[in-house]
């Protein structure tokens, strides 16, 4: 999101931030189409349309997405190469679940500003969807968590920090806070905060 960028050089790496509205009801295949296995779309395969759901920050709706069957995956798996959609501000999770960058960035904002857990965020978004009479209910928290981590995995995360004495990778880094939560079942006697000596 724009608030997390350090300057124009971020646009060169990640591309410019895009917020397209209204969102399209048909998501067209593009030249960057890939299957989940990593194979690029075979242009000799016919373009097919399938149902998908687009989840935005204030509601979700059914849509259609163009795909090409993957020639590298086993035929019976019915895997397909779908469009990237980043150019219109969308993240294609699996050709049937598509999330807007605005929704994913909304979680980034709340996480960095107030350590919002996934379940709390999903509950708040569910309530907003109800309030705005969304055509489709919001994702289950587990599904949103999968989508968010998948989205983060394809982000270019870097910084330009270098220490004059230590270089680009200092041995010790001091920070002013930690955004981490541990489930109760992970709490053990050996679990200590990073400040513990």
N, C-alpha and C. Protein backbone atom coordinates (compact mmCIF):
# COMPACT_ATOMS: atom_id res chain seq x y z
N UNK A 1 0.83 -1.20 0.00
CA UNK A 1 0.00 0.00 0.00
C UNK A 1 0.87 1.26 0.00
N UNK A 2 0.31 2.38 -0.42
CA UNK A 2 1.11 3.61 -0.51
C UNK A 2 1.78 4.01 0.80
N UNK A 3 1.12 3.82 1.95
CA UNK A 3 1.72 4.23 3.22
C UNK A 3 2.94 3.40 3.59
N UNK A 4 3.12 2.23 2.99
CA UNK A 4 4.26 1.37 3.33
C UNK A 4 5.42 1.53 2.35
N UNK A 5 5.28 2.38 1.37
CA UNK A 5 6.33 2.55 0.37
C UNK A 5 7.32 3.62 0.82
N UNK A 6 8.58 3.39 0.47
CA UNK A 6 9.61 4.34 0.88
C UNK A 6 9.96 5.34 -0.21
N UNK A 7 9.44 5.15 -1.41
CA UNK A 7 9.72 6.10 -2.48
C UNK A 7 9.45 5.51 -3.84
N UNK A 8 9.78 6.26 -4.90
CA UNK A 8 9.51 5.81 -6.27
C UNK A 8 10.20 4.49 -6.63
N UNK A 9 11.32 4.19 -5.98
CA UNK A 9 12.01 2.93 -6.28
C UNK A 9 11.14 1.72 -5.93
N UNK A 10 10.23 1.86 -4.98
CA UNK A 10 9.31 0.76 -4.66
C UNK A 10 8.37 0.48 -5.83
N UNK A 11 7.96 1.53 -6.54
CA UNK A 11 7.08 1.34 -7.70
C UNK A 11 7.79 0.55 -8.80
N UNK A 12 9.11 0.72 -8.91
CA UNK A 12 9.87 -0.02 -9.92
C UNK A 12 9.86 -1.52 -9.61
N UNK A 13 9.92 -1.87 -8.33
CA UNK A 13 9.98 -3.28 -7.92
C UNK A 13 8.58 -3.88 -7.86
N UNK A 14 7.67 -3.23 -7.15
CA UNK A 14 6.35 -3.79 -6.88
C UNK A 14 5.28 -3.35 -7.87
N UNK A 15 5.57 -2.34 -8.67
CA UNK A 15 4.54 -1.79 -9.54
C UNK A 15 3.75 -0.73 -8.79
N UNK A 16 3.11 0.14 -9.52
CA UNK A 16 2.34 1.19 -8.88
C UNK A 16 1.11 0.61 -8.21
N UNK A 17 0.70 1.26 -7.11
CA UNK A 17 -0.51 0.83 -6.40
C UNK A 17 -1.72 1.14 -7.28
N UNK A 18 -2.61 0.16 -7.43
CA UNK A 18 -3.78 0.31 -8.30
C UNK A 18 -5.05 0.10 -7.49
N UNK A 19 -6.01 0.99 -7.67
CA UNK A 19 -7.32 0.86 -7.00
C UNK A 19 -8.39 1.12 -8.06
N UNK A 20 -8.80 0.06 -8.76
CA UNK A 20 -9.78 0.16 -9.85
C UNK A 20 -11.19 -0.03 -9.29
N UNK A 21 -12.10 0.87 -9.61
CA UNK A 21 -13.50 0.73 -9.25
C UNK A 21 -14.34 1.26 -10.39
N UNK A 22 -15.44 0.65 -10.74
CA UNK A 22 -15.96 -0.59 -10.16
C UNK A 22 -15.13 -1.79 -10.62
N UNK A 23 -15.16 -2.84 -9.81
CA UNK A 23 -14.44 -4.06 -10.16
C UNK A 23 -15.21 -4.79 -11.26
N UNK A 24 -14.49 -5.40 -12.20
CA UNK A 24 -15.17 -6.07 -13.32
C UNK A 24 -15.87 -7.36 -12.90
N UNK A 25 -16.91 -7.72 -13.63
CA UNK A 25 -17.63 -8.98 -13.39
C UNK A 25 -17.02 -10.12 -14.20
N UNK A 26 -16.17 -9.78 -15.17
CA UNK A 26 -15.43 -10.79 -15.94
C UNK A 26 -13.95 -10.46 -15.83
N UNK A 27 -13.17 -11.41 -15.31
CA UNK A 27 -11.73 -11.22 -15.14
C UNK A 27 -11.02 -11.86 -16.32
N UNK A 28 -10.47 -11.05 -17.22
CA UNK A 28 -9.88 -11.58 -18.45
C UNK A 28 -8.52 -12.23 -18.23
N UNK A 29 -8.23 -13.22 -19.05
CA UNK A 29 -6.93 -13.87 -19.05
C UNK A 29 -5.89 -12.87 -19.53
N UNK A 30 -4.70 -12.91 -18.95
CA UNK A 30 -3.64 -12.01 -19.39
C UNK A 30 -2.39 -12.80 -19.77
N UNK A 31 -1.37 -12.10 -20.21
CA UNK A 31 -0.14 -12.76 -20.67
C UNK A 31 0.66 -13.37 -19.53
N UNK A 32 0.38 -12.98 -18.29
CA UNK A 32 1.11 -13.51 -17.13
C UNK A 32 0.41 -14.70 -16.49
N UNK A 33 -0.60 -15.26 -17.15
CA UNK A 33 -1.38 -16.36 -16.58
C UNK A 33 -0.48 -17.56 -16.27
N UNK A 34 -0.65 -18.06 -15.04
CA UNK A 34 0.11 -19.24 -14.58
C UNK A 34 -0.81 -20.15 -13.81
N UNK A 35 -0.43 -21.43 -13.80
CA UNK A 35 -1.12 -22.43 -12.99
C UNK A 35 -0.49 -22.41 -11.59
N UNK A 36 -1.17 -23.01 -10.65
CA UNK A 36 -0.64 -23.13 -9.29
C UNK A 36 0.69 -23.89 -9.27
N UNK A 37 0.89 -24.79 -10.24
CA UNK A 37 2.13 -25.57 -10.33
C UNK A 37 3.30 -24.72 -10.83
N UNK A 38 3.01 -23.52 -11.33
CA UNK A 38 4.05 -22.62 -11.82
C UNK A 38 4.16 -22.55 -13.33
N UNK A 39 3.48 -23.46 -14.04
CA UNK A 39 3.56 -23.48 -15.51
C UNK A 39 2.80 -22.29 -16.11
N UNK A 40 3.39 -21.71 -17.15
CA UNK A 40 2.71 -20.63 -17.87
C UNK A 40 1.57 -21.22 -18.69
N UNK A 41 0.57 -20.40 -18.96
CA UNK A 41 -0.58 -20.85 -19.75
C UNK A 41 -0.14 -21.21 -21.17
N UNK A 42 -0.62 -22.33 -21.66
CA UNK A 42 -0.33 -22.77 -23.03
C UNK A 42 -1.32 -22.06 -23.96
N UNK A 43 -0.82 -21.18 -24.85
CA UNK A 43 -1.73 -20.43 -25.73
C UNK A 43 -2.52 -21.30 -26.70
N UNK A 44 -2.11 -22.56 -26.87
CA UNK A 44 -2.85 -23.45 -27.77
C UNK A 44 -4.12 -24.01 -27.12
N UNK A 45 -4.21 -23.90 -25.79
CA UNK A 45 -5.40 -24.38 -25.08
C UNK A 45 -6.51 -23.34 -25.19
N UNK A 46 -7.75 -23.79 -25.31
CA UNK A 46 -8.86 -22.83 -25.42
C UNK A 46 -9.08 -22.08 -24.11
N UNK A 47 -9.55 -20.85 -24.24
CA UNK A 47 -9.90 -20.04 -23.08
C UNK A 47 -11.26 -20.50 -22.58
N UNK A 48 -11.35 -20.77 -21.28
CA UNK A 48 -12.62 -21.17 -20.65
C UNK A 48 -12.99 -20.12 -19.61
N UNK A 49 -14.27 -20.07 -19.27
CA UNK A 49 -14.73 -19.20 -18.19
C UNK A 49 -15.24 -20.07 -17.06
N UNK A 50 -14.93 -19.65 -15.83
CA UNK A 50 -15.45 -20.37 -14.67
C UNK A 50 -15.92 -19.36 -13.62
N UNK A 51 -16.74 -19.84 -12.70
CA UNK A 51 -17.25 -18.99 -11.63
C UNK A 51 -16.16 -18.69 -10.62
N UNK A 52 -16.20 -17.49 -10.06
CA UNK A 52 -15.31 -17.12 -8.97
C UNK A 52 -16.05 -16.13 -8.07
N UNK A 53 -15.45 -15.82 -6.95
CA UNK A 53 -16.00 -14.81 -6.05
C UNK A 53 -14.93 -13.77 -5.80
N UNK A 54 -15.30 -12.49 -5.93
CA UNK A 54 -14.38 -11.39 -5.65
C UNK A 54 -14.73 -10.82 -4.28
N UNK A 55 -13.75 -10.81 -3.38
CA UNK A 55 -13.91 -10.27 -2.03
C UNK A 55 -13.22 -8.92 -1.97
N UNK A 56 -14.01 -7.88 -1.70
CA UNK A 56 -13.47 -6.53 -1.59
C UNK A 56 -13.57 -6.09 -0.13
N UNK A 57 -13.13 -4.89 0.18
CA UNK A 57 -13.12 -4.42 1.57
C UNK A 57 -14.52 -4.17 2.14
N UNK A 58 -15.53 -4.00 1.29
CA UNK A 58 -16.87 -3.71 1.81
C UNK A 58 -17.95 -4.65 1.29
N UNK A 59 -17.56 -5.73 0.63
CA UNK A 59 -18.53 -6.69 0.14
C UNK A 59 -17.91 -7.64 -0.88
N UNK A 60 -18.62 -8.71 -1.16
CA UNK A 60 -18.16 -9.71 -2.13
C UNK A 60 -19.27 -9.97 -3.13
N UNK A 61 -18.88 -10.41 -4.32
CA UNK A 61 -19.89 -10.70 -5.33
C UNK A 61 -19.38 -11.79 -6.27
N UNK A 62 -20.32 -12.54 -6.88
CA UNK A 62 -19.93 -13.57 -7.84
C UNK A 62 -19.47 -12.91 -9.14
N UNK A 63 -18.51 -13.55 -9.79
CA UNK A 63 -17.98 -13.06 -11.06
C UNK A 63 -17.56 -14.26 -11.91
N UNK A 64 -16.97 -13.97 -13.05
CA UNK A 64 -16.44 -15.01 -13.94
C UNK A 64 -14.97 -14.71 -14.18
N UNK A 65 -14.18 -15.77 -14.37
CA UNK A 65 -12.75 -15.62 -14.62
C UNK A 65 -12.37 -16.49 -15.81
N UNK A 66 -11.51 -15.96 -16.67
CA UNK A 66 -11.03 -16.72 -17.82
C UNK A 66 -9.78 -17.50 -17.44
N UNK A 67 -9.73 -18.76 -17.85
CA UNK A 67 -8.60 -19.65 -17.55
C UNK A 67 -8.26 -20.50 -18.77
N UNK A 68 -7.10 -21.12 -18.72
CA UNK A 68 -6.70 -22.14 -19.70
C UNK A 68 -6.26 -23.36 -18.91
N UNK A 69 -6.74 -24.54 -19.29
CA UNK A 69 -6.35 -25.77 -18.62
C UNK A 69 -4.84 -25.93 -18.66
N UNK A 70 -4.26 -26.39 -17.56
CA UNK A 70 -2.81 -26.58 -17.47
C UNK A 70 -2.42 -27.88 -18.18
N UNK A 71 -1.44 -27.77 -19.06
CA UNK A 71 -0.98 -28.95 -19.80
C UNK A 71 0.08 -29.72 -19.03
N UNK A 72 0.64 -29.12 -17.96
CA UNK A 72 1.67 -29.79 -17.16
C UNK A 72 1.07 -30.64 -16.04
N UNK A 73 -0.12 -30.29 -15.57
CA UNK A 73 -0.76 -31.02 -14.48
C UNK A 73 -1.53 -32.22 -15.03
N UNK A 74 -1.74 -33.26 -14.21
CA UNK A 74 -2.55 -34.40 -14.67
C UNK A 74 -3.93 -33.92 -15.12
N UNK A 75 -4.42 -34.48 -16.21
CA UNK A 75 -5.69 -34.05 -16.81
C UNK A 75 -6.85 -34.10 -15.81
N UNK A 76 -6.90 -35.17 -15.00
CA UNK A 76 -8.04 -35.31 -14.09
C UNK A 76 -8.02 -34.30 -12.94
N UNK A 77 -6.90 -33.61 -12.72
CA UNK A 77 -6.83 -32.62 -11.65
C UNK A 77 -7.61 -31.35 -11.99
N UNK A 78 -7.85 -31.12 -13.28
CA UNK A 78 -8.60 -29.96 -13.77
C UNK A 78 -7.95 -28.63 -13.33
N UNK A 79 -6.63 -28.64 -13.16
CA UNK A 79 -5.90 -27.42 -12.80
C UNK A 79 -5.89 -26.48 -14.00
N UNK A 80 -5.90 -25.19 -13.72
CA UNK A 80 -5.96 -24.21 -14.80
C UNK A 80 -5.07 -23.02 -14.50
N UNK A 81 -4.54 -22.42 -15.56
CA UNK A 81 -3.76 -21.20 -15.45
C UNK A 81 -4.73 -20.03 -15.50
N UNK A 82 -4.64 -19.18 -14.48
CA UNK A 82 -5.52 -18.02 -14.41
C UNK A 82 -4.74 -16.73 -14.47
N UNK A 83 -5.44 -15.61 -14.64
CA UNK A 83 -4.78 -14.31 -14.77
C UNK A 83 -4.16 -13.84 -13.46
N UNK A 84 -3.14 -13.00 -13.57
CA UNK A 84 -2.47 -12.44 -12.40
C UNK A 84 -3.36 -11.42 -11.69
N UNK A 85 -3.96 -10.51 -12.42
CA UNK A 85 -4.93 -9.51 -11.94
C UNK A 85 -4.34 -8.38 -11.11
N UNK A 86 -3.03 -8.39 -10.86
CA UNK A 86 -2.41 -7.32 -10.08
C UNK A 86 -2.59 -5.95 -10.72
N UNK A 87 -2.68 -5.92 -12.04
CA UNK A 87 -2.82 -4.64 -12.75
C UNK A 87 -4.16 -3.96 -12.49
N UNK A 88 -5.13 -4.71 -11.97
CA UNK A 88 -6.42 -4.09 -11.62
C UNK A 88 -6.67 -4.14 -10.11
N UNK A 89 -5.61 -4.38 -9.33
CA UNK A 89 -5.71 -4.33 -7.88
C UNK A 89 -6.36 -5.54 -7.25
N UNK A 90 -6.23 -6.71 -7.89
CA UNK A 90 -6.81 -7.94 -7.36
C UNK A 90 -5.74 -9.01 -7.19
N UNK A 91 -5.96 -9.92 -6.24
CA UNK A 91 -5.08 -11.06 -6.00
C UNK A 91 -5.86 -12.33 -6.28
N UNK A 92 -5.40 -13.10 -7.27
CA UNK A 92 -6.06 -14.35 -7.66
C UNK A 92 -5.47 -15.47 -6.81
N UNK A 93 -6.22 -15.94 -5.82
CA UNK A 93 -5.71 -17.00 -4.94
C UNK A 93 -5.68 -18.33 -5.66
N UNK A 94 -6.80 -18.71 -6.28
CA UNK A 94 -6.88 -20.05 -6.89
C UNK A 94 -7.90 -20.14 -8.03
N UNK A 95 -8.15 -19.06 -8.68
CA UNK A 95 -9.12 -18.95 -9.78
C UNK A 95 -10.57 -18.99 -9.32
N UNK A 96 -10.85 -19.38 -8.11
CA UNK A 96 -12.24 -19.32 -7.63
C UNK A 96 -12.38 -18.30 -6.50
N UNK A 97 -11.29 -17.98 -5.83
CA UNK A 97 -11.28 -16.97 -4.77
C UNK A 97 -10.33 -15.85 -5.17
N UNK A 98 -10.89 -14.65 -5.31
CA UNK A 98 -10.12 -13.47 -5.72
C UNK A 98 -10.35 -12.40 -4.67
N UNK A 99 -9.26 -11.80 -4.18
CA UNK A 99 -9.36 -10.77 -3.14
C UNK A 99 -8.78 -9.46 -3.65
N UNK A 100 -9.39 -8.35 -3.25
CA UNK A 100 -8.86 -7.06 -3.66
C UNK A 100 -7.64 -6.71 -2.82
N UNK A 101 -6.71 -5.99 -3.44
CA UNK A 101 -5.55 -5.49 -2.69
C UNK A 101 -6.03 -4.58 -1.58
N UNK A 102 -7.13 -3.85 -1.81
CA UNK A 102 -7.67 -2.96 -0.78
C UNK A 102 -8.04 -3.73 0.48
N UNK A 103 -8.65 -4.91 0.33
CA UNK A 103 -9.00 -5.75 1.48
C UNK A 103 -7.75 -6.26 2.19
N UNK A 104 -6.80 -6.78 1.43
CA UNK A 104 -5.57 -7.32 2.01
C UNK A 104 -4.75 -6.21 2.67
N UNK A 105 -4.72 -5.03 2.04
CA UNK A 105 -4.00 -3.90 2.63
C UNK A 105 -4.70 -3.36 3.86
N UNK A 106 -6.02 -3.53 3.92
CA UNK A 106 -6.77 -3.12 5.11
C UNK A 106 -6.29 -3.94 6.31
N UNK A 107 -6.06 -5.24 6.10
CA UNK A 107 -5.54 -6.06 7.19
C UNK A 107 -4.11 -5.63 7.54
N UNK A 108 -3.28 -5.36 6.54
CA UNK A 108 -1.91 -4.88 6.80
C UNK A 108 -1.94 -3.64 7.69
N UNK A 109 -2.82 -2.70 7.35
CA UNK A 109 -2.92 -1.46 8.11
C UNK A 109 -3.30 -1.73 9.56
N UNK A 110 -4.32 -2.56 9.77
CA UNK A 110 -4.76 -2.85 11.13
C UNK A 110 -3.74 -3.67 11.90
N UNK A 111 -3.04 -4.56 11.23
CA UNK A 111 -2.01 -5.37 11.88
C UNK A 111 -0.85 -4.49 12.34
N UNK A 112 -0.41 -3.59 11.46
CA UNK A 112 0.74 -2.76 11.81
C UNK A 112 0.38 -1.64 12.79
N UNK A 113 -0.88 -1.22 12.81
CA UNK A 113 -1.28 -0.13 13.71
C UNK A 113 -1.77 -0.63 15.06
N UNK A 114 -2.27 -1.87 15.13
CA UNK A 114 -2.83 -2.31 16.39
C UNK A 114 -2.79 -3.79 16.65
N UNK A 115 -1.91 -4.51 15.97
CA UNK A 115 -1.75 -5.96 16.18
C UNK A 115 -3.07 -6.71 16.13
N UNK A 116 -3.87 -6.47 15.11
CA UNK A 116 -5.18 -7.10 14.98
C UNK A 116 -5.04 -8.57 14.58
N UNK A 117 -5.58 -9.50 15.37
CA UNK A 117 -5.53 -10.92 14.99
C UNK A 117 -6.46 -11.20 13.81
N UNK A 118 -6.18 -12.30 13.10
CA UNK A 118 -7.00 -12.67 11.94
C UNK A 118 -8.48 -12.80 12.31
N UNK A 119 -8.77 -13.50 13.40
CA UNK A 119 -10.18 -13.74 13.77
C UNK A 119 -10.91 -12.43 14.04
N UNK A 120 -10.26 -11.50 14.73
CA UNK A 120 -10.90 -10.22 15.02
C UNK A 120 -11.15 -9.44 13.73
N UNK A 121 -10.18 -9.45 12.84
CA UNK A 121 -10.34 -8.76 11.55
C UNK A 121 -11.49 -9.37 10.77
N UNK A 122 -11.53 -10.69 10.70
CA UNK A 122 -12.58 -11.37 9.93
C UNK A 122 -13.96 -11.11 10.53
N UNK A 123 -14.05 -11.07 11.84
CA UNK A 123 -15.33 -10.75 12.49
C UNK A 123 -15.77 -9.34 12.12
N UNK A 124 -14.85 -8.39 12.15
CA UNK A 124 -15.18 -7.00 11.80
C UNK A 124 -15.63 -6.91 10.34
N UNK A 125 -14.93 -7.59 9.44
CA UNK A 125 -15.29 -7.54 8.02
C UNK A 125 -16.63 -8.25 7.79
N UNK A 126 -16.87 -9.37 8.48
CA UNK A 126 -18.18 -10.04 8.38
C UNK A 126 -19.30 -9.07 8.73
N UNK A 127 -19.11 -8.30 9.80
CA UNK A 127 -20.13 -7.34 10.23
C UNK A 127 -20.32 -6.23 9.19
N UNK A 128 -19.22 -5.76 8.60
CA UNK A 128 -19.33 -4.75 7.55
C UNK A 128 -20.07 -5.32 6.34
N UNK A 129 -19.76 -6.55 5.97
CA UNK A 129 -20.45 -7.18 4.84
C UNK A 129 -21.96 -7.24 5.12
N UNK A 130 -22.34 -7.61 6.34
CA UNK A 130 -23.76 -7.64 6.71
C UNK A 130 -24.37 -6.25 6.63
N UNK A 131 -23.65 -5.26 7.17
CA UNK A 131 -24.15 -3.89 7.21
C UNK A 131 -24.37 -3.35 5.79
N UNK A 132 -23.45 -3.67 4.88
CA UNK A 132 -23.55 -3.18 3.50
C UNK A 132 -24.30 -4.14 2.59
N UNK A 133 -24.92 -5.18 3.18
CA UNK A 133 -25.74 -6.16 2.46
C UNK A 133 -24.98 -6.79 1.29
N UNK A 134 -23.82 -7.33 1.60
CA UNK A 134 -23.00 -8.00 0.59
C UNK A 134 -23.76 -9.17 -0.02
N UNK A 135 -23.57 -9.39 -1.32
CA UNK A 135 -24.20 -10.52 -2.01
C UNK A 135 -23.69 -11.85 -1.49
N UNK A 136 -22.43 -11.87 -1.04
CA UNK A 136 -21.78 -13.10 -0.58
C UNK A 136 -21.18 -12.84 0.79
N UNK A 137 -21.25 -13.83 1.69
CA UNK A 137 -20.66 -13.70 3.02
C UNK A 137 -19.14 -13.67 2.93
N UNK A 138 -18.50 -13.13 3.97
CA UNK A 138 -17.04 -13.05 3.99
C UNK A 138 -16.43 -14.43 4.19
N UNK A 139 -15.16 -14.54 3.83
CA UNK A 139 -14.42 -15.79 3.97
C UNK A 139 -14.31 -16.23 5.43
N UNK A 140 -14.19 -17.52 5.65
CA UNK A 140 -13.88 -18.05 6.97
C UNK A 140 -12.47 -17.56 7.34
N UNK A 141 -12.21 -17.36 8.61
CA UNK A 141 -10.91 -16.83 9.05
C UNK A 141 -9.74 -17.68 8.55
N UNK A 142 -9.89 -19.00 8.54
CA UNK A 142 -8.80 -19.87 8.06
C UNK A 142 -8.51 -19.62 6.58
N UNK A 143 -9.56 -19.42 5.81
CA UNK A 143 -9.40 -19.17 4.37
C UNK A 143 -8.75 -17.81 4.13
N UNK A 144 -9.17 -16.81 4.91
CA UNK A 144 -8.56 -15.49 4.77
C UNK A 144 -7.09 -15.54 5.16
N UNK A 145 -6.77 -16.26 6.22
CA UNK A 145 -5.38 -16.40 6.66
C UNK A 145 -4.53 -17.01 5.54
N UNK A 146 -5.04 -18.06 4.91
CA UNK A 146 -4.33 -18.69 3.78
C UNK A 146 -4.11 -17.67 2.66
N UNK A 147 -5.15 -16.91 2.34
CA UNK A 147 -5.05 -15.92 1.27
C UNK A 147 -4.03 -14.83 1.61
N UNK A 148 -4.07 -14.34 2.85
CA UNK A 148 -3.16 -13.26 3.24
C UNK A 148 -1.71 -13.71 3.20
N UNK A 149 -1.42 -14.91 3.72
CA UNK A 149 -0.04 -15.40 3.67
C UNK A 149 0.40 -15.69 2.23
N UNK A 150 -0.51 -16.14 1.39
CA UNK A 150 -0.18 -16.35 -0.03
C UNK A 150 0.13 -15.01 -0.70
N UNK A 151 -0.65 -13.99 -0.38
CA UNK A 151 -0.42 -12.65 -0.91
C UNK A 151 0.93 -12.12 -0.44
N UNK A 152 1.23 -12.29 0.84
CA UNK A 152 2.50 -11.81 1.38
C UNK A 152 3.69 -12.54 0.76
N UNK A 153 3.49 -13.80 0.40
CA UNK A 153 4.59 -14.60 -0.18
C UNK A 153 5.02 -14.07 -1.54
N UNK A 154 4.14 -13.39 -2.25
CA UNK A 154 4.51 -12.87 -3.57
C UNK A 154 4.89 -11.38 -3.53
N UNK A 155 4.90 -10.79 -2.34
CA UNK A 155 5.28 -9.38 -2.21
C UNK A 155 6.80 -9.26 -2.18
N UNK A 156 7.29 -8.17 -2.73
CA UNK A 156 8.71 -7.84 -2.67
C UNK A 156 8.91 -7.07 -1.37
N UNK A 157 9.44 -7.73 -0.36
CA UNK A 157 9.66 -7.08 0.94
C UNK A 157 11.15 -6.85 1.13
N UNK A 158 11.53 -5.60 1.16
CA UNK A 158 12.94 -5.26 1.35
C UNK A 158 13.01 -3.86 1.92
N UNK A 159 14.19 -3.48 2.33
CA UNK A 159 14.40 -2.11 2.76
C UNK A 159 15.79 -1.66 2.34
N UNK A 160 16.04 -0.41 2.46
CA UNK A 160 17.33 0.13 2.06
C UNK A 160 18.22 0.40 3.25
N UNK A 161 17.94 -0.26 4.38
CA UNK A 161 18.70 0.01 5.60
C UNK A 161 20.12 -0.52 5.52
N UNK A 162 21.07 0.31 5.87
CA UNK A 162 22.45 -0.14 6.07
C UNK A 162 23.02 0.64 7.25
N UNK A 163 23.76 -0.07 8.06
CA UNK A 163 24.43 0.53 9.22
C UNK A 163 25.84 0.93 8.78
N UNK A 164 26.27 2.12 9.15
CA UNK A 164 27.61 2.57 8.76
C UNK A 164 28.70 1.67 9.32
N UNK A 165 28.47 1.10 10.50
CA UNK A 165 29.48 0.24 11.12
C UNK A 165 29.34 -1.23 10.72
N UNK A 166 28.10 -1.72 10.56
CA UNK A 166 27.86 -3.16 10.37
C UNK A 166 27.53 -3.56 8.93
N UNK A 167 27.14 -2.60 8.10
CA UNK A 167 26.75 -2.93 6.74
C UNK A 167 25.26 -3.21 6.62
N UNK A 168 24.88 -3.98 5.57
CA UNK A 168 23.47 -4.23 5.26
C UNK A 168 22.84 -5.27 6.17
N UNK A 169 23.65 -6.13 6.80
CA UNK A 169 23.11 -7.20 7.64
C UNK A 169 23.77 -7.15 9.02
N UNK A 170 23.31 -6.26 9.89
CA UNK A 170 23.91 -6.18 11.23
C UNK A 170 23.64 -7.45 12.04
N UNK A 171 24.55 -7.76 12.93
CA UNK A 171 24.40 -8.96 13.76
C UNK A 171 23.27 -8.80 14.77
N UNK A 172 23.08 -7.58 15.29
CA UNK A 172 22.05 -7.30 16.28
C UNK A 172 21.20 -6.12 15.78
N UNK A 173 19.89 -6.27 15.91
CA UNK A 173 18.97 -5.19 15.53
C UNK A 173 18.06 -4.91 16.72
N UNK A 174 17.94 -3.66 17.11
CA UNK A 174 17.02 -3.26 18.16
C UNK A 174 15.80 -2.62 17.51
N UNK A 175 14.62 -3.04 17.93
CA UNK A 175 13.38 -2.49 17.39
C UNK A 175 12.53 -1.96 18.52
N UNK A 176 11.54 -1.15 18.18
CA UNK A 176 10.73 -0.54 19.23
C UNK A 176 9.42 -1.27 19.50
N UNK A 177 9.23 -2.42 18.92
CA UNK A 177 8.00 -3.17 19.18
C UNK A 177 8.00 -4.49 18.46
N UNK A 178 7.05 -5.34 18.83
CA UNK A 178 6.93 -6.65 18.21
C UNK A 178 5.47 -6.90 17.90
N UNK A 179 5.17 -7.31 16.68
CA UNK A 179 3.81 -7.65 16.30
C UNK A 179 3.75 -9.16 16.13
N UNK A 180 3.59 -9.85 17.25
CA UNK A 180 3.57 -11.31 17.25
C UNK A 180 2.57 -11.75 18.31
N UNK A 181 1.83 -12.77 18.02
CA UNK A 181 0.95 -13.36 19.01
C UNK A 181 1.14 -14.86 19.01
N UNK A 182 1.06 -15.45 20.17
CA UNK A 182 1.21 -16.90 20.29
C UNK A 182 -0.10 -17.51 20.76
N UNK A 183 -0.58 -18.55 20.08
CA UNK A 183 -1.78 -19.24 20.57
C UNK A 183 -1.49 -19.88 21.92
N UNK A 184 -2.51 -20.03 22.72
CA UNK A 184 -2.36 -20.60 24.06
C UNK A 184 -1.68 -21.96 24.02
N UNK A 185 -2.01 -22.77 23.02
CA UNK A 185 -1.44 -24.12 22.94
C UNK A 185 0.07 -24.10 22.68
N UNK A 186 0.60 -22.96 22.23
CA UNK A 186 2.04 -22.85 21.97
C UNK A 186 2.81 -22.32 23.18
N UNK A 187 2.09 -21.89 24.20
CA UNK A 187 2.74 -21.31 25.38
C UNK A 187 3.43 -22.41 26.18
N UNK A 188 4.72 -22.27 26.33
CA UNK A 188 5.52 -23.22 27.10
C UNK A 188 6.41 -22.44 28.06
N UNK A 189 7.07 -23.15 28.95
CA UNK A 189 7.97 -22.49 29.90
C UNK A 189 9.16 -21.84 29.20
N UNK A 190 9.51 -22.36 28.05
CA UNK A 190 10.69 -21.82 27.35
C UNK A 190 10.36 -20.62 26.45
N UNK A 191 9.08 -20.33 26.25
CA UNK A 191 8.68 -19.20 25.42
C UNK A 191 8.97 -17.91 26.17
N UNK A 192 9.81 -17.06 25.60
CA UNK A 192 10.21 -15.82 26.24
C UNK A 192 10.09 -14.66 25.25
N UNK A 193 9.83 -13.45 25.75
CA UNK A 193 9.83 -12.30 24.85
C UNK A 193 11.24 -12.04 24.32
N UNK A 194 11.36 -11.34 23.20
CA UNK A 194 12.69 -11.10 22.62
C UNK A 194 13.60 -10.28 23.52
N UNK A 195 13.04 -9.60 24.53
CA UNK A 195 13.85 -8.78 25.43
C UNK A 195 14.41 -9.58 26.60
N UNK A 196 14.02 -10.85 26.73
CA UNK A 196 14.47 -11.69 27.85
C UNK A 196 15.95 -12.01 27.71
N UNK A 197 16.68 -11.90 28.80
CA UNK A 197 18.12 -12.20 28.77
C UNK A 197 18.39 -13.51 29.48
